[in-house]
Amino acid sequence: THTSINAHMINQQLMEERLTSLQQQLDDQKNISNDGTLMWKITNVQQKI
């Protein structure tokens, strides 16, 4: 039915948002070393020079 399709689409959107959030949290953790110092990730270095 139309209602169940809408519910499925909402659930899918929520799951995608949660996945994006978890991916960001994982990326954030990659930038923290074991001693608590932060490491900077610099992208497009050639363009910024």
PDB file of N, CA and C in Angstrom:
ATOM      1  N   THR A   1       0.829  -1.190   0.000  1.00  0.00           N
ATOM      2  CA  THR A   1       0.000   0.000   0.000  1.00  0.00           C
ATOM      3  C   THR A   1       0.872   1.251   0.000  1.00  0.00           C
ATOM      4  N   HIS A   2       0.234   2.365  -0.245  1.00  0.00           N
ATOM      5  CA  HIS A   2       0.935   3.649  -0.305  1.00  0.00           C
ATOM      6  C   HIS A   2       1.556   4.004   1.047  1.00  0.00           C
ATOM      7  N   THR A   3       0.846   3.708   2.126  1.00  0.00           N
ATOM      8  CA  THR A   3       1.339   4.023   3.467  1.00  0.00           C
ATOM      9  C   THR A   3       2.592   3.229   3.794  1.00  0.00           C
ATOM     10  N   SER A   4       2.607   1.959   3.444  1.00  0.00           N
ATOM     11  CA  SER A   4       3.780   1.139   3.749  1.00  0.00           C
ATOM     12  C   SER A   4       4.981   1.551   2.904  1.00  0.00           C
ATOM     13  N   ILE A   5       4.736   1.995   1.684  1.00  0.00           N
ATOM     14  CA  ILE A   5       5.835   2.485   0.843  1.00  0.00           C
ATOM     15  C   ILE A   5       6.423   3.753   1.449  1.00  0.00           C
ATOM     16  N   ASN A   6       5.564   4.658   1.903  1.00  0.00           N
ATOM     17  CA  ASN A   6       6.046   5.884   2.551  1.00  0.00           C
ATOM     18  C   ASN A   6       6.843   5.563   3.808  1.00  0.00           C
ATOM     19  N   ALA A   7       6.353   4.620   4.597  1.00  0.00           N
ATOM     20  CA  ALA A   7       7.052   4.227   5.819  1.00  0.00           C
ATOM     21  C   ALA A   7       8.418   3.647   5.479  1.00  0.00           C
ATOM     22  N   HIS A   8       8.473   2.839   4.441  1.00  0.00           N
ATOM     23  CA  HIS A   8       9.742   2.249   4.016  1.00  0.00           C
ATOM     24  C   HIS A   8      10.713   3.337   3.563  1.00  0.00           C
ATOM     25  N   MET A   9      10.224   4.316   2.827  1.00  0.00           N
ATOM     26  CA  MET A   9      11.083   5.402   2.352  1.00  0.00           C
ATOM     27  C   MET A   9      11.618   6.231   3.516  1.00  0.00           C
ATOM     28  N   ILE A  10      10.775   6.480   4.509  1.00  0.00           N
ATOM     29  CA  ILE A  10      11.207   7.224   5.695  1.00  0.00           C
ATOM     30  C   ILE A  10      12.260   6.431   6.452  1.00  0.00           C
ATOM     31  N   ASN A  11      12.029   5.128   6.619  1.00  0.00           N
ATOM     32  CA  ASN A  11      13.006   4.282   7.307  1.00  0.00           C
ATOM     33  C   ASN A  11      14.336   4.272   6.564  1.00  0.00           C
ATOM     34  N   GLN A  12      14.283   4.194   5.246  1.00  0.00           N
ATOM     35  CA  GLN A  12      15.504   4.192   4.450  1.00  0.00           C
ATOM     36  C   GLN A  12      16.251   5.509   4.615  1.00  0.00           C
ATOM     37  N   GLN A  13      15.524   6.618   4.610  1.00  0.00           N
ATOM     38  CA  GLN A  13      16.156   7.922   4.781  1.00  0.00           C
ATOM     39  C   GLN A  13      16.819   8.023   6.155  1.00  0.00           C
ATOM     40  N   LEU A  14      16.138   7.549   7.188  1.00  0.00           N
ATOM     41  CA  LEU A  14      16.708   7.581   8.535  1.00  0.00           C
ATOM     42  C   LEU A  14      17.966   6.729   8.619  1.00  0.00           C
ATOM     43  N   MET A  15      17.939   5.568   7.984  1.00  0.00           N
ATOM     44  CA  MET A  15      19.109   4.688   7.992  1.00  0.00           C
ATOM     45  C   MET A  15      20.277   5.331   7.246  1.00  0.00           C
ATOM     46  N   GLU A  16      20.004   5.998   6.143  1.00  0.00           N
ATOM     47  CA  GLU A  16      21.060   6.679   5.391  1.00  0.00           C
ATOM     48  C   GLU A  16      21.662   7.815   6.210  1.00  0.00           C
ATOM     49  N   GLU A  17      20.821   8.555   6.932  1.00  0.00           N
ATOM     50  CA  GLU A  17      21.317   9.631   7.786  1.00  0.00           C
ATOM     51  C   GLU A  17      22.180   9.072   8.910  1.00  0.00           C
ATOM     52  N   ARG A  18      21.756   7.962   9.484  1.00  0.00           N
ATOM     53  CA  ARG A  18      22.527   7.324  10.561  1.00  0.00           C
ATOM     54  C   ARG A  18      23.868   6.826  10.035  1.00  0.00           C
ATOM     55  N   LEU A  19      23.859   6.238   8.843  1.00  0.00           N
ATOM     56  CA  LEU A  19      25.094   5.759   8.236  1.00  0.00           C
ATOM     57  C   LEU A  19      26.057   6.917   7.989  1.00  0.00           C
ATOM     58  N   THR A  20      25.544   8.020   7.490  1.00  0.00           N
ATOM     59  CA  THR A  20      26.377   9.196   7.256  1.00  0.00           C
ATOM     60  C   THR A  20      26.979   9.690   8.566  1.00  0.00           C
ATOM     61  N   SER A  21      26.179   9.702   9.615  1.00  0.00           N
ATOM     62  CA  SER A  21      26.657  10.130  10.926  1.00  0.00           C
ATOM     63  C   SER A  21      27.756   9.201  11.439  1.00  0.00           C
ATOM     64  N   LEU A  22      27.556   7.901  11.291  1.00  0.00           N
ATOM     65  CA  LEU A  22      28.564   6.937  11.736  1.00  0.00           C
ATOM     66  C   LEU A  22      29.848   7.061  10.929  1.00  0.00           C
ATOM     67  N   GLN A  23      29.724   7.305   9.633  1.00  0.00           N
ATOM     68  CA  GLN A  23      30.912   7.493   8.801  1.00  0.00           C
ATOM     69  C   GLN A  23      31.692   8.719   9.247  1.00  0.00           C
ATOM     70  N   GLN A  24      30.992   9.798   9.592  1.00  0.00           N
ATOM     71  CA  GLN A  24      31.657  11.011  10.062  1.00  0.00           C
ATOM     72  C   GLN A  24      32.353  10.762  11.394  1.00  0.00           C
ATOM     73  N   GLN A  25      31.693  10.026  12.287  1.00  0.00           N
ATOM     74  CA  GLN A  25      32.303   9.708  13.575  1.00  0.00           C
ATOM     75  C   GLN A  25      33.562   8.873  13.383  1.00  0.00           C
ATOM     76  N   LEU A  26      33.521   7.925  12.462  1.00  0.00           N
ATOM     77  CA  LEU A  26      34.686   7.093  12.179  1.00  0.00           C
ATOM     78  C   LEU A  26      35.817   7.938  11.608  1.00  0.00           C
ATOM     79  N   ASP A  27      35.502   8.819  10.681  1.00  0.00           N
ATOM     80  CA  ASP A  27      36.519   9.708  10.117  1.00  0.00           C
ATOM     81  C   ASP A  27      37.124  10.598  11.194  1.00  0.00           C
ATOM     82  N   ASP A  28      36.300  11.090  12.104  1.00  0.00           N
ATOM     83  CA  ASP A  28      36.795  11.929  13.195  1.00  0.00           C
ATOM     84  C   ASP A  28      37.764  11.153  14.080  1.00  0.00           C
ATOM     85  N   GLN A  29      37.474   9.891  14.344  1.00  0.00           N
ATOM     86  CA  GLN A  29      38.335   9.075  15.192  1.00  0.00           C
ATOM     87  C   GLN A  29      39.675   8.779  14.525  1.00  0.00           C
ATOM     88  N   LYS A  30      39.698   8.726  13.211  1.00  0.00           N
ATOM     89  CA  LYS A  30      40.946   8.472  12.492  1.00  0.00           C
ATOM     90  C   LYS A  30      41.932   9.613  12.683  1.00  0.00           C
ATOM     91  N   ASN A  31      41.448  10.796  13.011  1.00  0.00           N
ATOM     92  CA  ASN A  31      42.300  11.971  13.145  1.00  0.00           C
ATOM     93  C   ASN A  31      42.785  12.201  14.571  1.00  0.00           C
ATOM     94  N   ILE A  32      42.546  11.256  15.461  1.00  0.00           N
ATOM     95  CA  ILE A  32      42.997  11.368  16.844  1.00  0.00           C
ATOM     96  C   ILE A  32      43.991  10.245  17.111  1.00  0.00           C
ATOM     97  N   SER A  33      45.187  10.589  17.538  1.00  0.00           N
ATOM     98  CA  SER A  33      46.198   9.577  17.818  1.00  0.00           C
ATOM     99  C   SER A  33      45.993   9.005  19.216  1.00  0.00           C
ATOM    100  N   ASN A  34      46.798   8.007  19.562  1.00  0.00           N
ATOM    101  CA  ASN A  34      46.659   7.339  20.859  1.00  0.00           C
ATOM    102  C   ASN A  34      46.996   8.242  22.038  1.00  0.00           C
ATOM    103  N   ASP A  35      47.846   9.240  21.823  1.00  0.00           N
ATOM    104  CA  ASP A  35      48.219  10.106  22.944  1.00  0.00           C
ATOM    105  C   ASP A  35      47.337  11.345  23.057  1.00  0.00           C
ATOM    106  N   GLY A  36      46.272  11.404  22.264  1.00  0.00           N
ATOM    107  CA  GLY A  36      45.314  12.488  22.382  1.00  0.00           C
ATOM    108  C   GLY A  36      45.585  13.694  21.503  1.00  0.00           C
ATOM    109  N   THR A  37      46.707  13.674  20.774  1.00  0.00           N
ATOM    110  CA  THR A  37      46.973  14.799  19.881  1.00  0.00           C
ATOM    111  C   THR A  37      46.165  14.643  18.598  1.00  0.00           C
ATOM    112  N   LEU A  38      45.841  15.761  18.003  1.00  0.00           N
ATOM    113  CA  LEU A  38      45.075  15.744  16.755  1.00  0.00           C
ATOM    114  C   LEU A  38      46.018  15.754  15.565  1.00  0.00           C
ATOM    115  N   MET A  39      45.638  15.024  14.525  1.00  0.00           N
ATOM    116  CA  MET A  39      46.380  15.048  13.271  1.00  0.00           C
ATOM    117  C   MET A  39      45.518  15.773  12.251  1.00  0.00           C
ATOM    118  N   TRP A  40      46.116  16.657  11.492  1.00  0.00           N
ATOM    119  CA  TRP A  40      45.389  17.429  10.494  1.00  0.00           C
ATOM    120  C   TRP A  40      45.474  16.722   9.157  1.00  0.00           C
ATOM    121  N   LYS A  41      44.353  16.620   8.486  1.00  0.00           N
ATOM    122  CA  LYS A  41      44.311  16.056   7.142  1.00  0.00           C
ATOM    123  C   LYS A  41      44.137  17.218   6.172  1.00  0.00           C
ATOM    124  N   ILE A  42      45.122  17.403   5.317  1.00  0.00           N
ATOM    125  CA  ILE A  42      45.071  18.495   4.352  1.00  0.00           C
ATOM    126  C   ILE A  42      44.857  17.893   2.965  1.00  0.00           C
ATOM    127  N   THR A  43      43.751  18.261   2.342  1.00  0.00           N
ATOM    128  CA  THR A  43      43.436  17.751   1.014  1.00  0.00           C
ATOM    129  C   THR A  43      43.773  18.796  -0.038  1.00  0.00           C
ATOM    130  N   ASN A  44      43.956  18.355  -1.262  1.00  0.00           N
ATOM    131  CA  ASN A  44      44.231  19.245  -2.397  1.00  0.00           C
ATOM    132  C   ASN A  44      45.431  20.150  -2.132  1.00  0.00           C
ATOM    133  N   VAL A  45      46.518  19.572  -1.660  1.00  0.00           N
ATOM    134  CA  VAL A  45      47.699  20.349  -1.287  1.00  0.00           C
ATOM    135  C   VAL A  45      48.235  21.132  -2.481  1.00  0.00           C
ATOM    136  N   GLN A  46      48.309  20.501  -3.646  1.00  0.00           N
ATOM    137  CA  GLN A  46      48.847  21.180  -4.827  1.00  0.00           C
ATOM    138  C   GLN A  46      48.041  22.429  -5.170  1.00  0.00           C
ATOM    139  N   GLN A  47      46.745  22.372  -5.006  1.00  0.00           N
ATOM    140  CA  GLN A  47      45.899  23.520  -5.320  1.00  0.00           C
ATOM    141  C   GLN A  47      46.056  24.638  -4.294  1.00  0.00           C
ATOM    142  N   LYS A  48      46.396  24.284  -3.071  1.00  0.00           N
ATOM    143  CA  LYS A  48      46.492  25.274  -2.006  1.00  0.00           C
ATOM    144  C   LYS A  48      47.854  25.949  -1.940  1.00  0.00           C
ATOM    145  N   ILE A  49      48.844  25.370  -2.609  1.00  0.00           N
ATOM    146  CA  ILE A  49      50.198  25.943  -2.580  1.00  0.00           C
ATOM    147  C   ILE A  49      50.279  27.098  -3.553  1.00  0.00           C
TER     148      ILE A  49
END
